[in-house]
Amino acid sequence: MTELVEFDDLQQVEVLLRAGIELKFELSEDSEILNGSPVFARALSNLRDGLIAAVRSGPTPGKAQSYVDWYQLSGHSRRWSLIARRAISHPHWGELSTADLRQWIETLASPLRVDDDALASIKAAGDEIVTAADKKSCE
């Protein structure tokens, strides 16, 4: 089921997206339920996609690429360690298939898009955290 929501202008959509990013990455704890919520992630991704589509169809369609670029996780590498810490909270972290791992990381990173390099870096960072914790618990 699809629902249509109208905004007065694109600035409202952008502000709402930025608020979602602030909530997910700056204000919430690692255990915050919204961080791993597929519903919240999908809502933010839909807002992002709607914003980009609206800019593409507007008077300055070339500006859309700047939005596409800004919403790439690879451009926000400072967030990778935070996402990795949250990613290892998945109860089956070490057993996730590639597709399930991608889906989980995309949920945690939304509305930022996850490319292959960012995914690999986050997985490596998560595995490193788990390995360090295992070593520490054996001491």
Protein backbone atom coordinates (compact mmCIF):
# COMPACT_ATOMS: atom_id res chain seq x y z
CA MET A 1 0.00 0.00 0.00
CA THR A 2 1.33 3.41 -0.96
CA GLU A 3 0.40 6.63 0.77
CA LEU A 4 0.82 10.09 -0.68
CA VAL A 5 2.05 12.83 1.63
CA GLU A 6 2.35 16.43 0.52
CA PHE A 7 4.79 19.04 1.75
CA ASP A 8 4.68 22.78 1.13
CA ASP A 9 8.19 22.77 -0.32
CA LEU A 10 11.35 20.71 -0.59
CA GLN A 11 12.89 22.50 2.36
CA GLN A 12 10.41 20.74 4.65
CA VAL A 13 11.43 17.35 3.27
CA GLU A 14 15.11 18.17 3.65
CA VAL A 15 14.63 19.38 7.22
CA LEU A 16 12.74 16.22 8.11
CA LEU A 17 15.48 14.08 6.59
CA ARG A 18 18.18 15.98 8.46
CA ALA A 19 16.19 15.55 11.69
CA GLY A 20 16.04 11.80 11.04
CA ILE A 21 19.80 11.71 10.54
CA GLU A 22 20.35 13.74 13.70
CA LEU A 23 18.09 11.40 15.67
CA LYS A 24 19.72 8.22 14.35
CA PHE A 25 23.35 9.26 14.48
CA GLU A 26 23.71 12.03 17.03
CA LEU A 27 20.97 11.84 19.64
CA SER A 28 20.19 8.16 20.08
CA GLU A 29 22.09 5.49 21.95
CA ASP A 30 23.35 2.33 20.25
CA SER A 31 20.45 0.40 21.76
CA GLU A 32 17.76 2.82 20.55
CA ILE A 33 15.02 0.82 18.85
CA LEU A 34 14.69 3.25 15.93
CA ASN A 35 18.26 2.54 14.82
CA GLY A 36 17.38 -0.98 13.72
CA SER A 37 13.81 -0.33 12.68
CA PRO A 38 13.17 -1.30 9.05
CA VAL A 39 10.01 0.85 9.11
CA PHE A 40 11.92 3.98 10.19
CA ALA A 41 14.71 3.19 7.72
CA ARG A 42 12.26 2.77 4.84
CA ALA A 43 10.45 6.00 5.75
CA LEU A 44 13.73 7.93 5.70
CA SER A 45 14.77 6.29 2.43
CA ASN A 46 11.42 7.17 0.86
CA LEU A 47 11.86 10.79 1.95
CA ARG A 48 15.38 10.81 0.44
CA ASP A 49 14.17 9.28 -2.83
CA GLY A 50 11.24 11.70 -3.00
CA LEU A 51 13.50 14.68 -2.41
CA ILE A 52 15.91 13.59 -5.15
CA ALA A 53 13.07 12.86 -7.59
CA ALA A 54 11.49 16.25 -6.89
CA VAL A 55 14.78 18.07 -7.45
CA ARG A 56 15.33 16.14 -10.71
CA SER A 57 11.93 17.22 -11.99
CA GLY A 58 12.32 20.82 -10.82
CA PRO A 59 13.87 23.86 -12.43
CA THR A 60 17.46 22.83 -11.52
CA PRO A 61 17.65 19.09 -12.24
CA GLY A 62 21.46 19.14 -12.19
CA LYS A 63 21.33 19.87 -8.46
CA ALA A 64 19.93 16.36 -7.88
CA GLN A 65 23.39 14.83 -8.22
CA SER A 66 24.61 16.84 -5.23
CA TYR A 67 21.82 15.27 -3.17
CA VAL A 68 22.63 11.79 -4.51
CA ASP A 69 26.27 12.31 -3.55
CA TRP A 70 25.47 13.74 -0.11
CA TYR A 71 23.28 10.76 0.81
CA GLN A 72 26.04 8.21 0.02
CA LEU A 73 27.40 6.56 3.16
CA SER A 74 30.87 6.54 1.61
CA GLY A 75 30.90 10.32 2.05
CA HIS A 76 30.21 9.98 5.79
CA SER A 77 33.06 7.69 6.87
CA ARG A 78 33.03 9.17 10.37
CA ARG A 79 29.71 7.35 10.89
CA TRP A 80 31.12 3.93 9.94
CA SER A 81 32.37 3.00 13.41
CA LEU A 82 29.04 3.96 14.97
CA ILE A 83 27.17 1.83 12.44
CA ALA A 84 29.63 -1.04 13.00
CA ARG A 85 29.03 -0.91 16.78
CA ARG A 86 25.31 -1.04 16.16
CA ALA A 87 25.62 -3.73 13.50
CA ILE A 88 27.23 -6.27 15.83
CA SER A 89 24.16 -6.09 18.05
CA HIS A 90 22.36 -8.27 15.51
CA PRO A 91 21.78 -11.62 17.27
CA HIS A 92 23.23 -13.51 14.27
CA TRP A 93 26.05 -11.10 13.39
CA GLY A 94 28.64 -13.73 12.47
CA GLU A 95 26.14 -15.85 10.55
CA LEU A 96 24.41 -13.29 8.30
CA SER A 97 24.38 -14.00 4.57
CA THR A 98 25.72 -11.27 2.31
CA ALA A 99 22.18 -10.19 1.42
CA ASP A 100 21.05 -10.16 5.06
CA LEU A 101 24.17 -8.26 6.09
CA ARG A 102 23.55 -5.64 3.41
CA GLN A 103 19.91 -5.30 4.46
CA TRP A 104 20.89 -4.90 8.13
CA ILE A 105 23.59 -2.28 7.39
CA GLU A 106 21.23 -0.42 5.05
CA THR A 107 18.64 -0.32 7.82
CA LEU A 108 21.18 1.09 10.27
CA ALA A 109 22.59 3.62 7.78
CA SER A 110 19.31 4.85 6.25
CA PRO A 111 18.74 7.39 4.77
CA LEU A 112 22.34 7.12 3.64
CA ARG A 113 22.90 4.72 0.74
CA VAL A 114 25.37 1.89 1.32
CA ASP A 115 27.85 1.13 -1.44
CA ASP A 116 30.01 -2.00 -1.55
CA ASP A 117 33.14 -0.33 -0.15
CA ALA A 118 31.32 1.17 2.82
CA LEU A 119 29.61 -2.18 3.48
CA ALA A 120 32.95 -4.01 3.47
CA SER A 121 34.53 -1.42 5.77
CA ILE A 122 31.65 -1.57 8.24
CA LYS A 123 31.71 -5.38 8.27
CA ALA A 124 35.47 -5.37 8.88
CA ALA A 125 35.10 -2.82 11.68
CA GLY A 126 32.30 -4.87 13.26
CA ASP A 127 34.35 -8.06 13.07
CA GLU A 128 37.27 -6.20 14.63
CA ILE A 129 35.10 -5.06 17.53
CA VAL A 130 33.87 -8.61 18.12
CA THR A 131 37.42 -10.02 17.96
CA ALA A 132 38.71 -7.40 20.40
CA ALA A 133 35.83 -8.11 22.79
CA ASP A 134 36.49 -11.87 22.57
CA LYS A 135 40.19 -11.35 23.34
CA LYS A 136 39.35 -9.12 26.27
CA SER A 137 36.89 -11.66 27.72
CA CYS A 138 39.55 -14.40 27.49
CA GLU A 139 42.00 -12.40 29.60
